[in-house]
Amino acid sequence: MLNVSEVLNMLEKEGLTSSRQVVLRWIRQGDLPAVQESRKTGYQIEQSDLADFIARKKEADASTESDEQTTDDYQAGYQAAIKDLLEKAVVSGSGDLFLFRKNASIPIHLADFKEMAARNFSTG
């Protein structure tokens, strides 16, 4: 059985946290299983429970990084598509930019397109 200080040292080595308060919060929330027989002895954590917790945290961190990369890739693709559309935009006599749909005679005003794109494809 490990005490909170020992657990904190191991979590610091793993790069998960350097805060005792965070460890206690994880215990209170039930994320990190622990037993408190008395206030004097504090929380006791099984080595196997800590190993499982570390594995779950690292897996969650990897998943978050993957989501962030997907968002970055999506944003880059979206910006490239907008740039491509701006290059294809037609300037009317009044100076407005229009996009013409394939096989359609109705132009889409570029400002309307940007508004629709922001509403339909926002990642926030």
Protein backbone atom coordinates (compact mmCIF):
# COMPACT_ATOMS: atom_id res chain seq x y z
CA MET A 1 0.00 0.00 0.00
CA LEU A 2 1.21 3.48 -0.87
CA ASN A 3 0.45 6.75 0.87
CA VAL A 4 -0.47 9.98 -0.95
CA SER A 5 3.11 11.32 -0.91
CA GLU A 6 4.46 8.15 -2.52
CA VAL A 7 1.68 8.22 -5.11
CA LEU A 8 2.43 11.88 -5.83
CA ASN A 9 6.11 11.08 -6.43
CA MET A 10 5.18 8.34 -8.89
CA LEU A 11 2.68 10.57 -10.70
CA GLU A 12 5.30 13.31 -10.97
CA LYS A 13 7.73 10.85 -12.56
CA GLU A 14 5.01 9.87 -15.05
CA GLY A 15 4.38 13.54 -15.84
CA LEU A 16 0.73 13.44 -14.79
CA THR A 17 0.68 15.94 -11.91
CA SER A 18 2.87 17.64 -9.34
CA SER A 19 0.00 18.71 -7.08
CA ARG A 20 -1.02 16.90 -3.91
CA GLN A 21 -4.42 18.58 -4.13
CA VAL A 22 -5.04 17.08 -7.57
CA VAL A 23 -4.21 13.60 -6.24
CA LEU A 24 -6.63 14.10 -3.35
CA ARG A 25 -9.32 15.33 -5.75
CA TRP A 26 -8.88 12.21 -7.92
CA ILE A 27 -9.24 10.07 -4.79
CA ARG A 28 -12.36 11.91 -3.59
CA GLN A 29 -13.94 11.72 -7.04
CA GLY A 30 -13.32 7.99 -7.14
CA ASP A 31 -10.95 8.16 -10.11
CA LEU A 32 -8.08 6.78 -8.02
CA PRO A 33 -9.24 4.02 -5.63
CA ALA A 34 -8.00 4.50 -2.07
CA VAL A 35 -8.84 3.47 1.49
CA GLN A 36 -8.74 5.75 4.50
CA GLU A 37 -8.73 3.74 7.71
CA SER A 38 -8.19 6.85 9.82
CA ARG A 39 -7.46 10.53 9.33
CA LYS A 40 -4.11 10.04 11.01
CA THR A 41 -2.86 7.44 8.53
CA GLY A 42 -4.48 9.14 5.53
CA TYR A 43 -5.34 7.49 2.25
CA GLN A 44 -3.71 4.21 1.23
CA ILE A 45 -3.55 3.23 -2.44
CA GLU A 46 -2.85 -0.23 -3.85
CA GLN A 47 0.09 -0.41 -6.28
CA SER A 48 -2.08 -2.20 -8.87
CA ASP A 49 -4.80 0.48 -8.61
CA LEU A 50 -2.19 3.17 -9.18
CA ALA A 51 -0.79 1.33 -12.21
CA ASP A 52 -4.30 1.03 -13.70
CA PHE A 53 -4.97 4.70 -12.99
CA ILE A 54 -1.72 5.78 -14.69
CA ALA A 55 -2.53 3.66 -17.75
CA ARG A 56 -6.04 5.18 -18.00
CA LYS A 57 -4.71 8.73 -17.63
CA LYS A 58 -2.05 8.22 -20.30
CA GLU A 59 -4.62 6.70 -22.65
CA ALA A 60 -6.97 9.65 -22.07
CA ASP A 61 -4.12 12.11 -22.70
CA ALA A 62 -3.24 10.35 -25.96
CA SER A 63 -6.90 10.49 -27.03
CA THR A 64 -7.05 14.22 -26.25
CA GLU A 65 -3.91 14.85 -28.30
CA SER A 66 -5.47 12.92 -31.19
CA ASP A 67 -8.65 15.03 -30.96
CA GLU A 68 -6.59 18.23 -30.95
CA GLN A 69 -4.65 17.05 -34.02
CA THR A 70 -7.93 16.22 -35.80
CA THR A 71 -9.25 19.70 -35.02
CA ASP A 72 -6.03 21.30 -36.28
CA ASP A 73 -6.17 19.22 -39.47
CA TYR A 74 -9.84 20.12 -39.98
CA GLN A 75 -9.11 23.83 -39.53
CA ALA A 76 -6.21 23.64 -42.00
CA GLY A 77 -8.41 21.88 -44.56
CA TYR A 78 -11.23 24.37 -44.04
CA GLN A 79 -8.87 27.32 -44.51
CA ALA A 80 -7.44 25.72 -47.68
CA ALA A 81 -10.97 25.23 -49.06
CA ILE A 82 -11.88 28.87 -48.34
CA LYS A 83 -8.66 30.02 -50.04
CA ASP A 84 -9.49 27.88 -53.08
CA LEU A 85 -13.02 29.29 -53.24
CA LEU A 86 -11.73 32.85 -52.98
CA GLU A 87 -9.44 32.19 -55.94
CA LYS A 88 -12.45 30.96 -57.94
CA ALA A 89 -14.75 33.80 -56.90
CA VAL A 90 -16.04 36.08 -59.63
CA VAL A 91 -16.05 39.82 -59.07
CA SER A 92 -19.26 41.47 -60.24
CA GLY A 93 -19.50 44.97 -61.68
CA SER A 94 -20.32 46.38 -58.23
CA GLY A 95 -17.20 44.83 -56.73
CA ASP A 96 -19.05 42.04 -54.89
CA LEU A 97 -17.60 38.54 -54.94
CA PHE A 98 -19.86 35.73 -56.14
CA LEU A 99 -19.45 31.98 -56.34
CA PHE A 100 -21.29 30.11 -59.06
CA ARG A 101 -22.55 26.62 -58.38
CA LYS A 102 -21.90 24.02 -61.06
CA ASN A 103 -24.78 23.71 -63.53
CA ALA A 104 -26.72 26.48 -61.80
CA SER A 105 -27.47 30.00 -62.89
CA ILE A 106 -28.00 31.33 -59.35
CA PRO A 107 -24.86 32.84 -57.86
CA ILE A 108 -24.06 32.52 -54.17
CA HIS A 109 -22.83 35.79 -52.71
CA LEU A 110 -19.48 35.10 -51.05
CA ALA A 111 -20.50 36.83 -47.81
CA ASP A 112 -23.54 34.54 -47.61
CA PHE A 113 -21.33 31.52 -48.27
CA LYS A 114 -18.94 32.48 -45.48
CA GLU A 115 -21.85 32.92 -43.07
CA MET A 116 -23.32 29.53 -44.04
CA ALA A 117 -19.92 27.85 -43.79
CA ALA A 118 -19.24 29.31 -40.36
CA ARG A 119 -22.66 28.21 -39.13
CA ASN A 120 -22.55 24.70 -40.63
CA PHE A 121 -18.90 23.79 -40.20
CA SER A 122 -17.83 25.47 -36.97
CA THR A 123 -15.70 23.30 -34.68
CA GLY A 124 -16.31 25.23 -31.48
